[in-house]
Amino acid sequence: MALNGNYKIGDKVVYPMHGAGVIQAIENHEVLGHVQEYYVMRMPVGDLKVMVPVDSAISVGLRGVIEESEVENVIEALKGQRRGMSANWNKRYRANLEKMKTGDIYEVAGVVQGLAYRDREKGLSAGERKMLESARQILFSELVLAKGVDENTVRQIVDDVLEELA
């Protein structure tokens, strides 16, 4: 796996705010008269196709998927102590959005944990409910690729952990 943003077909990568996928092709496409090289990724969760310009892979935060050995650390982080969240939904939303933009799986897991707990305790606004679902999808996509299992298996593992936090 390339650390410098030079990925190859078959590499498993994470695209912040979109989730993890597998590079299926590297293609040239013309946009507004300018030909550019793109990574073409297939996202296993949601079955989406995403194209990322090769030249901007580093600046958009494209990175390799965690190793399978690190999956248990992510699950433990989900079980970990809840971090405080602002009582003001707007501040909470902005803080969680910034965490998700990092592309760091531990930050995304923290958003999932915090919003899931808040949902059980006090409920979520429509915007936060959508954010929780998006964070869950991002988390699931990376865990699916890291563990090499299907989405339902990962969903059950995460749901079981979050249920224990109640």
Foldseek 3Di string as FASTA:
>chain_A
DDPVLDDDAQFWKAQFLQAIWGQHDWDWDADPNDIFIWGWTAQQQVRDIDTDTSVCCVVRPIDGFDALVCLVVLLVLLLDDQDDADPDQVRRLVVLVVLRSNRDLSSLSNLLSNLLVCCVVPRDDPSSVVVNVSSLSNNLRSNCVNNVHHSVVSVVSSVVSSVVVD
